[in-house]
């Protein structure tokens, strides 16, 4: 009985982690959609390998934790006079 519970728990855990693997482009699109919905502009998102040193904000990880998505705030463009 204990073996059956352990086996089913392990299968559930592996299925959950497999489903949590998100491609970087899919996650980047989801983040861009959320930012647009909040009215955020003047930014860029960069996909970089995990462990990349940055002073910017890391807003997600993707490809099973192999990459991170970095949020860069950019300067607002000045209107022409």
PDB file of N, CA and C in Angstrom:
ATOM      1  N   UNK A   1       0.815  -1.192   0.000  1.00  0.00           N
ATOM      2  CA  UNK A   1       0.000   0.000   0.000  1.00  0.00           C
ATOM      3  C   UNK A   1       0.860   1.259   0.000  1.00  0.00           C
ATOM      4  N   UNK A   2       1.923   1.251   0.825  1.00  0.00           N
ATOM      5  CA  UNK A   2       2.806   2.410   0.889  1.00  0.00           C
ATOM      6  C   UNK A   2       3.501   2.632  -0.447  1.00  0.00           C
ATOM      7  N   UNK A   3       3.857   1.527  -1.111  1.00  0.00           N
ATOM      8  CA  UNK A   3       4.531   1.645  -2.410  1.00  0.00           C
ATOM      9  C   UNK A   3       3.600   2.255  -3.450  1.00  0.00           C
ATOM     10  N   UNK A   4       2.334   1.896  -3.403  1.00  0.00           N
ATOM     11  CA  UNK A   4       1.364   2.442  -4.355  1.00  0.00           C
ATOM     12  C   UNK A   4       1.174   3.939  -4.132  1.00  0.00           C
ATOM     13  N   UNK A   5       1.105   4.353  -2.881  1.00  0.00           N
ATOM     14  CA  UNK A   5       0.958   5.780  -2.574  1.00  0.00           C
ATOM     15  C   UNK A   5       2.206   6.537  -3.003  1.00  0.00           C
ATOM     16  N   UNK A   6       3.373   5.975  -2.727  1.00  0.00           N
ATOM     17  CA  UNK A   6       4.630   6.613  -3.118  1.00  0.00           C
ATOM     18  C   UNK A   6       4.732   6.727  -4.634  1.00  0.00           C
ATOM     19  N   UNK A   7       4.387   5.667  -5.342  1.00  0.00           N
ATOM     20  CA  UNK A   7       4.463   5.681  -6.804  1.00  0.00           C
ATOM     21  C   UNK A   7       3.509   6.708  -7.397  1.00  0.00           C
ATOM     22  N   UNK A   8       2.289   6.760  -6.889  1.00  0.00           N
ATOM     23  CA  UNK A   8       1.331   7.732  -7.431  1.00  0.00           C
ATOM     24  C   UNK A   8       1.746   9.159  -7.085  1.00  0.00           C
ATOM     25  N   UNK A   9       2.329   9.359  -5.917  1.00  0.00           N
ATOM     26  CA  UNK A   9       2.815  10.693  -5.547  1.00  0.00           C
ATOM     27  C   UNK A   9       3.942  11.138  -6.464  1.00  0.00           C
ATOM     28  N   UNK A  10       4.863  10.239  -6.764  1.00  0.00           N
ATOM     29  CA  UNK A  10       5.973  10.574  -7.657  1.00  0.00           C
ATOM     30  C   UNK A  10       5.486  10.870  -9.069  1.00  0.00           C
ATOM     31  N   UNK A  11       4.508  10.115  -9.545  1.00  0.00           N
ATOM     32  CA  UNK A  11       3.973  10.372 -10.883  1.00  0.00           C
ATOM     33  C   UNK A  11       3.270  11.724 -10.928  1.00  0.00           C
ATOM     34  N   UNK A  12       2.535  12.060  -9.889  1.00  0.00           N
ATOM     35  CA  UNK A  12       1.852  13.346  -9.833  1.00  0.00           C
ATOM     36  C   UNK A  12       2.861  14.488  -9.786  1.00  0.00           C
ATOM     37  N   UNK A  13       3.913  14.324  -9.014  1.00  0.00           N
ATOM     38  CA  UNK A  13       4.947  15.341  -8.909  1.00  0.00           C
ATOM     39  C   UNK A  13       5.655  15.546 -10.243  1.00  0.00           C
ATOM     40  N   UNK A  14       5.992  14.462 -10.935  1.00  0.00           N
ATOM     41  CA  UNK A  14       6.671  14.596 -12.224  1.00  0.00           C
ATOM     42  C   UNK A  14       5.746  15.194 -13.275  1.00  0.00           C
ATOM     43  N   UNK A  15       4.467  14.868 -13.226  1.00  0.00           N
ATOM     44  CA  UNK A  15       3.511  15.447 -14.174  1.00  0.00           C
ATOM     45  C   UNK A  15       3.358  16.939 -13.934  1.00  0.00           C
ATOM     46  N   UNK A  16       3.372  17.351 -12.679  1.00  0.00           N
ATOM     47  CA  UNK A  16       3.258  18.769 -12.345  1.00  0.00           C
ATOM     48  C   UNK A  16       4.470  19.534 -12.838  1.00  0.00           C
ATOM     49  N   UNK A  17       5.661  19.000 -12.632  1.00  0.00           N
ATOM     50  CA  UNK A  17       6.864  19.707 -13.077  1.00  0.00           C
ATOM     51  C   UNK A  17       6.958  19.716 -14.596  1.00  0.00           C
ATOM     52  N   UNK A  18       6.487  18.672 -15.265  1.00  0.00           N
ATOM     53  CA  UNK A  18       6.502  18.659 -16.725  1.00  0.00           C
ATOM     54  C   UNK A  18       5.557  19.725 -17.264  1.00  0.00           C
ATOM     55  N   UNK A  19       4.404  19.862 -16.652  1.00  0.00           N
ATOM     56  CA  UNK A  19       3.430  20.851 -17.105  1.00  0.00           C
ATOM     57  C   UNK A  19       3.906  22.268 -16.824  1.00  0.00           C
ATOM     58  N   UNK A  20       4.758  22.452 -15.819  1.00  0.00           N
ATOM     59  CA  UNK A  20       5.229  23.781 -15.451  1.00  0.00           C
ATOM     60  C   UNK A  20       6.315  24.293 -16.389  1.00  0.00           C
ATOM     61  N   UNK A  21       6.859  23.444 -17.257  1.00  0.00           N
ATOM     62  CA  UNK A  21       7.886  23.870 -18.191  1.00  0.00           C
ATOM     63  C   UNK A  21       7.245  24.726 -19.269  1.00  0.00           C
ATOM     64  N   UNK A  22       7.620  25.987 -19.294  1.00  0.00           N
ATOM     65  CA  UNK A  22       7.044  26.944 -20.232  1.00  0.00           C
ATOM     66  C   UNK A  22       8.134  27.445 -21.157  1.00  0.00           C
ATOM     67  N   UNK A  23       7.819  27.563 -22.434  1.00  0.00           N
ATOM     68  CA  UNK A  23       8.810  28.102 -23.366  1.00  0.00           C
ATOM     69  C   UNK A  23       8.995  29.579 -23.081  1.00  0.00           C
ATOM     70  N   UNK A  24      10.176  30.078 -23.379  1.00  0.00           N
ATOM     71  CA  UNK A  24      10.491  31.478 -23.103  1.00  0.00           C
ATOM     72  C   UNK A  24       9.604  32.419 -23.907  1.00  0.00           C
ATOM     73  N   UNK A  25       9.331  32.087 -25.147  1.00  0.00           N
ATOM     74  CA  UNK A  25       8.498  32.970 -25.976  1.00  0.00           C
ATOM     75  C   UNK A  25       7.071  33.038 -25.448  1.00  0.00           C
ATOM     76  N   UNK A  26       6.532  31.903 -24.994  1.00  0.00           N
ATOM     77  CA  UNK A  26       5.176  31.901 -24.430  1.00  0.00           C
ATOM     78  C   UNK A  26       5.108  32.755 -23.168  1.00  0.00           C
ATOM     79  N   UNK A  27       6.082  32.576 -22.285  1.00  0.00           N
ATOM     80  CA  UNK A  27       6.086  33.336 -21.041  1.00  0.00           C
ATOM     81  C   UNK A  27       6.321  34.819 -21.307  1.00  0.00           C
ATOM     82  N   UNK A  28       7.196  35.122 -22.236  1.00  0.00           N
ATOM     83  CA  UNK A  28       7.472  36.521 -22.588  1.00  0.00           C
ATOM     84  C   UNK A  28       6.200  37.190 -23.117  1.00  0.00           C
ATOM     85  N   UNK A  29       5.444  36.475 -23.936  1.00  0.00           N
ATOM     86  CA  UNK A  29       4.183  37.004 -24.464  1.00  0.00           C
ATOM     87  C   UNK A  29       3.180  37.248 -23.337  1.00  0.00           C
ATOM     88  N   UNK A  30       3.090  36.319 -22.385  1.00  0.00           N
ATOM     89  CA  UNK A  30       2.176  36.488 -21.252  1.00  0.00           C
ATOM     90  C   UNK A  30       2.558  37.704 -20.412  1.00  0.00           C
ATOM     91  N   UNK A  31       3.850  37.889 -20.179  1.00  0.00           N
ATOM     92  CA  UNK A  31       4.317  39.031 -19.389  1.00  0.00           C
ATOM     93  C   UNK A  31       4.023  40.333 -20.122  1.00  0.00           C
ATOM     94  N   UNK A  32       4.283  40.362 -21.436  1.00  0.00           N
ATOM     95  CA  UNK A  32       4.002  41.563 -22.228  1.00  0.00           C
ATOM     96  C   UNK A  32       2.515  41.907 -22.195  1.00  0.00           C
ATOM     97  N   UNK A  33       1.663  40.892 -22.249  1.00  0.00           N
ATOM     98  CA  UNK A  33       0.217  41.111 -22.193  1.00  0.00           C
ATOM     99  C   UNK A  33      -0.191  41.716 -20.850  1.00  0.00           C
ATOM    100  N   UNK A  34       0.359  41.190 -19.759  1.00  0.00           N
ATOM    101  CA  UNK A  34       0.044  41.725 -18.436  1.00  0.00           C
ATOM    102  C   UNK A  34       0.531  43.163 -18.292  1.00  0.00           C
ATOM    103  N   UNK A  35       1.733  43.441 -18.778  1.00  0.00           N
ATOM    104  CA  UNK A  35       2.265  44.801 -18.682  1.00  0.00           C
ATOM    105  C   UNK A  35       1.431  45.777 -19.505  1.00  0.00           C
ATOM    106  N   UNK A  36       1.022  45.363 -20.698  1.00  0.00           N
ATOM    107  CA  UNK A  36       0.188  46.220 -21.546  1.00  0.00           C
ATOM    108  C   UNK A  36      -1.154  46.479 -20.872  1.00  0.00           C
ATOM    109  N   UNK A  37      -1.709  45.483 -20.218  1.00  0.00           N
ATOM    110  CA  UNK A  37      -2.974  45.637 -19.519  1.00  0.00           C
ATOM    111  C   UNK A  37      -2.892  46.617 -18.356  1.00  0.00           C
ATOM    112  N   UNK A  38      -1.697  46.751 -17.793  1.00  0.00           N
ATOM    113  CA  UNK A  38      -1.498  47.690 -16.684  1.00  0.00           C
ATOM    114  C   UNK A  38      -1.032  49.057 -17.172  1.00  0.00           C
ATOM    115  N   UNK A  39      -0.908  49.212 -18.488  1.00  0.00           N
ATOM    116  CA  UNK A  39      -0.510  50.499 -19.047  1.00  0.00           C
ATOM    117  C   UNK A  39       0.978  50.779 -18.978  1.00  0.00           C
ATOM    118  N   UNK A  40       1.787  49.753 -18.774  1.00  0.00           N
ATOM    119  CA  UNK A  40       3.234  49.940 -18.692  1.00  0.00           C
ATOM    120  C   UNK A  40       3.793  50.098 -20.099  1.00  0.00           C
ATOM    121  N   UNK A  41       4.673  51.081 -20.270  1.00  0.00           N
ATOM    122  CA  UNK A  41       5.335  51.281 -21.562  1.00  0.00           C
ATOM    123  C   UNK A  41       6.809  51.573 -21.302  1.00  0.00           C
ATOM    124  N   UNK A  42       7.557  51.725 -22.359  1.00  0.00           N
ATOM    125  CA  UNK A  42       8.986  52.035 -22.273  1.00  0.00           C
ATOM    126  C   UNK A  42       9.761  50.969 -21.495  1.00  0.00           C
ATOM    127  N   UNK A  43       9.695  49.756 -21.980  1.00  0.00           N
ATOM    128  CA  UNK A  43      10.419  48.656 -21.361  1.00  0.00           C
ATOM    129  C   UNK A  43      10.850  47.675 -22.445  1.00  0.00           C
ATOM    130  N   UNK A  44      11.751  46.776 -22.064  1.00  0.00           N
ATOM    131  CA  UNK A  44      12.094  45.658 -22.937  1.00  0.00           C
ATOM    132  C   UNK A  44      12.261  44.425 -22.059  1.00  0.00           C
ATOM    133  N   UNK A  45      12.019  43.269 -22.645  1.00  0.00           N
ATOM    134  CA  UNK A  45      12.207  41.996 -21.960  1.00  0.00           C
ATOM    135  C   UNK A  45      13.310  41.240 -22.678  1.00  0.00           C
ATOM    136  N   UNK A  46      14.222  40.686 -21.910  1.00  0.00           N
ATOM    137  CA  UNK A  46      15.362  39.964 -22.473  1.00  0.00           C
ATOM    138  C   UNK A  46      15.408  38.559 -21.886  1.00  0.00           C
ATOM    139  N   UNK A  47      15.609  37.565 -22.735  1.00  0.00           N
ATOM    140  CA  UNK A  47      15.794  36.188 -22.285  1.00  0.00           C
ATOM    141  C   UNK A  47      17.293  35.955 -22.158  1.00  0.00           C
ATOM    142  N   UNK A  48      17.726  35.469 -20.995  1.00  0.00           N
ATOM    143  CA  UNK A  48      19.142  35.239 -20.736  1.00  0.00           C
ATOM    144  C   UNK A  48      19.302  33.911 -20.003  1.00  0.00           C
ATOM    145  N   UNK A  49      20.486  33.306 -20.090  1.00  0.00           N
ATOM    146  CA  UNK A  49      20.721  32.057 -19.365  1.00  0.00           C
ATOM    147  C   UNK A  49      20.631  32.265 -17.850  1.00  0.00           C
ATOM    148  N   UNK A  50      20.169  31.243 -17.153  1.00  0.00           N
ATOM    149  CA  UNK A  50      20.094  31.298 -15.694  1.00  0.00           C
ATOM    150  C   UNK A  50      21.494  31.570 -15.149  1.00  0.00           C
ATOM    151  N   UNK A  51      21.589  32.394 -14.146  1.00  0.00           N
ATOM    152  CA  UNK A  51      22.882  32.722 -13.554  1.00  0.00           C
ATOM    153  C   UNK A  51      23.499  33.988 -14.128  1.00  0.00           C
ATOM    154  N   UNK A  52      22.840  34.588 -15.116  1.00  0.00           N
ATOM    155  CA  UNK A  52      23.333  35.829 -15.693  1.00  0.00           C
ATOM    156  C   UNK A  52      23.249  36.933 -14.643  1.00  0.00           C
ATOM    157  N   UNK A  53      24.355  37.645 -14.439  1.00  0.00           N
ATOM    158  CA  UNK A  53      24.377  38.754 -13.487  1.00  0.00           C
ATOM    159  C   UNK A  53      23.636  39.942 -14.082  1.00  0.00           C
ATOM    160  N   UNK A  54      22.740  40.532 -13.316  1.00  0.00           N
ATOM    161  CA  UNK A  54      21.996  41.693 -13.778  1.00  0.00           C
ATOM    162  C   UNK A  54      21.594  42.562 -12.598  1.00  0.00           C
ATOM    163  N   UNK A  55      21.521  43.854 -12.843  1.00  0.00           N
ATOM    164  CA  UNK A  55      21.017  44.781 -11.832  1.00  0.00           C
ATOM    165  C   UNK A  55      19.533  45.050 -12.073  1.00  0.00           C
ATOM    166  N   UNK A  56      19.037  44.567 -13.185  1.00  0.00           N
ATOM    167  CA  UNK A  56      17.632  44.757 -13.547  1.00  0.00           C
ATOM    168  C   UNK A  56      16.774  43.704 -12.856  1.00  0.00           C
ATOM    169  N   UNK A  57      15.474  43.822 -13.023  1.00  0.00           N
ATOM    170  CA  UNK A  57      14.526  42.923 -12.362  1.00  0.00           C
ATOM    171  C   UNK A  57      14.305  41.653 -13.179  1.00  0.00           C
ATOM    172  N   UNK A  58      14.424  40.506 -12.537  1.00  0.00           N
ATOM    173  CA  UNK A  58      14.106  39.224 -13.162  1.00  0.00           C
ATOM    174  C   UNK A  58      12.617  38.983 -12.933  1.00  0.00           C
ATOM    175  N   UNK A  59      11.858  38.847 -14.036  1.00  0.00           N
ATOM    176  CA  UNK A  59      10.402  38.732 -13.930  1.00  0.00           C
ATOM    177  C   UNK A  59       9.884  37.326 -14.216  1.00  0.00           C
ATOM    178  N   UNK A  60      10.767  36.389 -14.517  1.00  0.00           N
ATOM    179  CA  UNK A  60      10.314  35.025 -14.750  1.00  0.00           C
ATOM    180  C   UNK A  60      11.456  34.110 -15.122  1.00  0.00           C
ATOM    181  N   UNK A  61      11.177  32.815 -15.085  1.00  0.00           N
ATOM    182  CA  UNK A  61      12.130  31.840 -15.603  1.00  0.00           C
ATOM    183  C   UNK A  61      11.379  30.892 -16.516  1.00  0.00           C
ATOM    184  N   UNK A  62      12.105  30.325 -17.469  1.00  0.00           N
ATOM    185  CA  UNK A  62      11.450  29.519 -18.493  1.00  0.00           C
ATOM    186  C   UNK A  62      12.365  28.384 -18.940  1.00  0.00           C
ATOM    187  N   UNK A  63      11.848  27.570 -19.836  1.00  0.00           N
ATOM    188  CA  UNK A  63      12.564  26.392 -20.334  1.00  0.00           C
ATOM    189  C   UNK A  63      13.053  25.514 -19.188  1.00  0.00           C
ATOM    190  N   UNK A  64      12.159  25.269 -18.255  1.00  0.00           N
ATOM    191  CA  UNK A  64      12.486  24.392 -17.138  1.00  0.00           C
ATOM    192  C   UNK A  64      13.523  24.969 -16.194  1.00  0.00           C
ATOM    193  N   UNK A  65      13.598  26.303 -16.108  1.00  0.00           N
ATOM    194  CA  UNK A  65      14.550  26.956 -15.213  1.00  0.00           C
ATOM    195  C   UNK A  65      15.915  27.186 -15.826  1.00  0.00           C
ATOM    196  N   UNK A  66      16.071  26.909 -17.111  1.00  0.00           N
ATOM    197  CA  UNK A  66      17.367  27.095 -17.775  1.00  0.00           C
ATOM    198  C   UNK A  66      17.627  28.551 -18.134  1.00  0.00           C
ATOM    199  N   UNK A  67      16.556  29.328 -18.329  1.00  0.00           N
ATOM    200  CA  UNK A  67      16.676  30.729 -18.731  1.00  0.00           C
ATOM    201  C   UNK A  67      15.856  31.614 -17.805  1.00  0.00           C
ATOM    202  N   UNK A  68      16.202  32.911 -17.808  1.00  0.00           N
ATOM    203  CA  UNK A  68      15.443  33.896 -17.051  1.00  0.00           C
ATOM    204  C   UNK A  68      14.975  34.995 -17.997  1.00  0.00           C
ATOM    205  N   UNK A  69      13.945  35.713 -17.589  1.00  0.00           N
ATOM    206  CA  UNK A  69      13.462  36.854 -18.364  1.00  0.00           C
ATOM    207  C   UNK A  69      13.723  38.099 -17.531  1.00  0.00           C
ATOM    208  N   UNK A  70      14.452  39.042 -18.134  1.00  0.00           N
ATOM    209  CA  UNK A  70      14.871  40.256 -17.447  1.00  0.00           C
ATOM    210  C   UNK A  70      14.074  41.440 -17.982  1.00  0.00           C
ATOM    211  N   UNK A  71      13.553  42.253 -17.065  1.00  0.00           N
ATOM    212  CA  UNK A  71      12.777  43.453 -17.396  1.00  0.00           C
ATOM    213  C   UNK A  71      13.710  44.654 -17.349  1.00  0.00           C
ATOM    214  N   UNK A  72      13.801  45.378 -18.473  1.00  0.00           N
ATOM    215  CA  UNK A  72      14.603  46.600 -18.556  1.00  0.00           C
ATOM    216  C   UNK A  72      13.664  47.782 -18.745  1.00  0.00           C
ATOM    217  N   UNK A  73      13.762  48.767 -17.887  1.00  0.00           N
ATOM    218  CA  UNK A  73      13.003  50.017 -18.061  1.00  0.00           C
ATOM    219  C   UNK A  73      13.814  50.899 -19.003  1.00  0.00           C
ATOM    220  N   UNK A  74      13.161  51.434 -20.028  1.00  0.00           N
ATOM    221  CA  UNK A  74      13.852  52.296 -20.988  1.00  0.00           C
ATOM    222  C   UNK A  74      13.361  53.728 -20.830  1.00  0.00           C
ATOM    223  N   UNK A  75      14.154  54.652 -21.318  1.00  0.00           N
ATOM    224  CA  UNK A  75      13.794  56.067 -21.227  1.00  0.00           C
ATOM    225  C   UNK A  75      12.622  56.365 -22.150  1.00  0.00           C
ATOM    226  N   UNK A  76      11.752  57.222 -21.694  1.00  0.00           N
ATOM    227  CA  UNK A  76      10.604  57.631 -22.513  1.00  0.00           C
ATOM    228  C   UNK A  76      11.093  58.503 -23.661  1.00  0.00           C
ATOM    229  N   UNK A  77      10.493  58.309 -24.818  1.00  0.00           N
ATOM    230  CA  UNK A  77      10.855  59.120 -25.977  1.00  0.00           C
ATOM    231  C   UNK A  77      10.233  60.500 -25.823  1.00  0.00           C
ATOM    232  N   UNK A  78      11.024  61.514 -26.116  1.00  0.00           N
ATOM    233  CA  UNK A  78      10.527  62.888 -26.018  1.00  0.00           C
ATOM    234  C   UNK A  78       9.706  63.223 -27.252  1.00  0.00           C
ATOM    235  N   UNK A  79       8.636  63.933 -27.040  1.00  0.00           N
ATOM    236  CA  UNK A  79       7.771  64.346 -28.150  1.00  0.00           C
ATOM    237  C   UNK A  79       8.462  65.451 -28.942  1.00  0.00           C
ATOM    238  N   UNK A  80       8.286  65.425 -30.251  1.00  0.00           N
ATOM    239  CA  UNK A  80       8.883  66.451 -31.109  1.00  0.00           C
ATOM    240  C   UNK A  80       8.186  67.783 -30.866  1.00  0.00           C
ATOM    241  N   UNK A  81       8.990  68.842 -30.799  1.00  0.00           N
ATOM    242  CA  UNK A  81       8.419  70.176 -30.526  1.00  0.00           C
ATOM    243  C   UNK A  81       8.024  70.884 -31.788  1.00  0.00           C
TER     244      UNK A  81
END
